[in-house]
N, C-alpha and C. Protein backbone atom coordinates (compact mmCIF):
# COMPACT_ATOMS: atom_id res chain seq x y z
N MET A 1 -6.34 5.50 -6.33
CA MET A 1 -7.70 5.95 -6.46
C MET A 1 -7.81 7.44 -6.12
N LEU A 2 -7.05 7.87 -5.16
CA LEU A 2 -7.04 9.30 -4.83
C LEU A 2 -6.50 10.10 -6.01
N HIS A 3 -5.56 9.52 -6.72
CA HIS A 3 -4.98 10.17 -7.89
C HIS A 3 -6.07 10.44 -8.94
N TYR A 4 -6.92 9.44 -9.21
CA TYR A 4 -8.00 9.62 -10.18
C TYR A 4 -9.02 10.64 -9.71
N SER A 5 -9.27 10.67 -8.41
CA SER A 5 -10.19 11.65 -7.87
C SER A 5 -9.68 13.07 -8.10
N ILE A 6 -8.40 13.27 -7.88
CA ILE A 6 -7.80 14.60 -8.10
C ILE A 6 -7.82 14.96 -9.58
N ILE A 7 -7.57 13.99 -10.45
CA ILE A 7 -7.60 14.27 -11.89
C ILE A 7 -9.00 14.69 -12.34
N PHE A 8 -10.04 13.96 -11.88
CA PHE A 8 -11.40 14.34 -12.26
C PHE A 8 -11.78 15.70 -11.67
N PHE A 9 -11.28 16.03 -10.50
CA PHE A 9 -11.55 17.35 -9.92
C PHE A 9 -10.92 18.45 -10.76
N ILE A 10 -9.70 18.22 -11.23
CA ILE A 10 -9.02 19.21 -12.08
C ILE A 10 -9.75 19.34 -13.42
N ILE A 11 -10.21 18.22 -13.98
CA ILE A 11 -10.99 18.28 -15.22
C ILE A 11 -12.26 19.09 -15.00
N ALA A 12 -12.90 18.91 -13.85
CA ALA A 12 -14.12 19.66 -13.55
C ALA A 12 -13.85 21.15 -13.45
N ILE A 13 -12.74 21.52 -12.84
CA ILE A 13 -12.40 22.94 -12.72
C ILE A 13 -12.14 23.54 -14.10
N ILE A 14 -11.38 22.84 -14.93
CA ILE A 14 -11.08 23.34 -16.27
C ILE A 14 -12.36 23.44 -17.10
N ALA A 15 -13.20 22.42 -17.03
CA ALA A 15 -14.45 22.44 -17.79
C ALA A 15 -15.38 23.55 -17.30
N GLY A 16 -15.38 23.79 -16.00
CA GLY A 16 -16.20 24.88 -15.46
C GLY A 16 -15.73 26.24 -15.91
N VAL A 17 -14.41 26.42 -15.98
CA VAL A 17 -13.85 27.70 -16.43
C VAL A 17 -14.17 27.92 -17.91
N LEU A 18 -14.11 26.85 -18.70
CA LEU A 18 -14.37 26.98 -20.13
C LEU A 18 -15.86 27.04 -20.47
N GLY A 19 -16.73 26.80 -19.49
CA GLY A 19 -18.16 26.94 -19.72
C GLY A 19 -18.89 25.65 -20.05
N PHE A 20 -18.26 24.52 -19.87
CA PHE A 20 -18.92 23.24 -20.12
C PHE A 20 -19.55 22.75 -18.82
N GLY A 21 -20.74 23.20 -18.53
CA GLY A 21 -21.39 22.91 -17.26
C GLY A 21 -21.73 21.44 -17.05
N GLY A 22 -22.23 20.79 -18.09
CA GLY A 22 -22.61 19.39 -17.97
C GLY A 22 -21.41 18.48 -17.73
N ILE A 23 -20.34 18.75 -18.45
CA ILE A 23 -19.12 17.95 -18.29
C ILE A 23 -18.52 18.19 -16.91
N ALA A 24 -18.54 19.43 -16.45
CA ALA A 24 -17.99 19.75 -15.14
C ALA A 24 -18.80 19.06 -14.04
N GLY A 25 -20.10 19.05 -14.18
CA GLY A 25 -20.94 18.38 -13.18
C GLY A 25 -20.69 16.89 -13.13
N SER A 26 -20.52 16.29 -14.30
CA SER A 26 -20.24 14.85 -14.35
C SER A 26 -18.89 14.54 -13.73
N ALA A 27 -17.90 15.35 -14.04
CA ALA A 27 -16.56 15.11 -13.49
C ALA A 27 -16.54 15.28 -11.98
N VAL A 28 -17.29 16.26 -11.46
CA VAL A 28 -17.36 16.44 -10.02
C VAL A 28 -18.05 15.24 -9.36
N GLY A 29 -19.09 14.73 -9.99
CA GLY A 29 -19.77 13.55 -9.46
C GLY A 29 -18.85 12.34 -9.40
N ILE A 30 -18.09 12.12 -10.46
CA ILE A 30 -17.14 11.01 -10.48
C ILE A 30 -16.06 11.20 -9.43
N ALA A 31 -15.57 12.43 -9.30
CA ALA A 31 -14.53 12.71 -8.30
C ALA A 31 -15.05 12.46 -6.89
N LYS A 32 -16.30 12.81 -6.62
CA LYS A 32 -16.88 12.56 -5.28
C LYS A 32 -16.98 11.08 -4.98
N VAL A 33 -17.42 10.31 -5.98
CA VAL A 33 -17.55 8.86 -5.78
C VAL A 33 -16.18 8.23 -5.54
N LEU A 34 -15.20 8.59 -6.35
CA LEU A 34 -13.86 8.03 -6.19
C LEU A 34 -13.23 8.43 -4.85
N PHE A 35 -13.44 9.67 -4.43
CA PHE A 35 -12.89 10.11 -3.16
C PHE A 35 -13.55 9.38 -2.00
N GLY A 36 -14.86 9.18 -2.07
CA GLY A 36 -15.57 8.43 -1.03
C GLY A 36 -15.08 7.00 -0.95
N ALA A 37 -14.89 6.37 -2.11
CA ALA A 37 -14.37 5.00 -2.13
C ALA A 37 -12.96 4.95 -1.55
N PHE A 38 -12.14 5.95 -1.85
CA PHE A 38 -10.78 6.00 -1.31
C PHE A 38 -10.82 6.10 0.21
N ILE A 39 -11.68 6.95 0.74
CA ILE A 39 -11.76 7.13 2.19
C ILE A 39 -12.19 5.83 2.86
N ILE A 40 -13.22 5.19 2.31
CA ILE A 40 -13.72 3.94 2.90
C ILE A 40 -12.65 2.85 2.86
N LEU A 41 -11.99 2.70 1.71
CA LEU A 41 -10.96 1.66 1.59
C LEU A 41 -9.75 1.94 2.47
N SER A 42 -9.38 3.20 2.62
CA SER A 42 -8.23 3.51 3.48
C SER A 42 -8.56 3.26 4.95
N ILE A 43 -9.79 3.57 5.37
CA ILE A 43 -10.18 3.28 6.76
C ILE A 43 -10.20 1.77 7.01
N LEU A 44 -10.75 1.02 6.05
CA LEU A 44 -10.77 -0.43 6.19
C LEU A 44 -9.36 -1.02 6.22
N SER A 45 -8.45 -0.47 5.43
CA SER A 45 -7.08 -1.00 5.45
C SER A 45 -6.37 -0.66 6.76
N PHE A 46 -6.68 0.49 7.34
CA PHE A 46 -6.08 0.82 8.64
C PHE A 46 -6.63 -0.09 9.74
N ILE A 47 -7.91 -0.43 9.66
CA ILE A 47 -8.51 -1.27 10.70
C ILE A 47 -8.07 -2.72 10.55
N PHE A 48 -8.16 -3.27 9.35
CA PHE A 48 -7.91 -4.68 9.14
C PHE A 48 -6.49 -4.99 8.66
N GLY A 49 -5.69 -3.99 8.39
CA GLY A 49 -4.36 -4.21 7.84
C GLY A 49 -3.31 -4.56 8.86
N ARG A 50 -3.57 -4.36 10.12
CA ARG A 50 -2.56 -4.60 11.17
C ARG A 50 -2.74 -5.97 11.78
N LYS A 51 -2.18 -6.95 11.11
CA LYS A 51 -2.24 -8.34 11.60
C LYS A 51 -0.87 -8.75 12.11
N ARG A 52 -0.59 -8.47 13.37
CA ARG A 52 0.72 -8.81 13.93
C ARG A 52 0.57 -9.80 15.04
């Protein structure tokens, strides 16, 4: 999931440089959502993943 977040961030940077403002804004929004989901899921896996 972090991989997809980085890809959408790179797409947003390229679209911003080329002047596609709407596409860049959408890609940044998607990247933020994916990064937030990654952070939440990684914290939950650290908390609940240690069953010894």
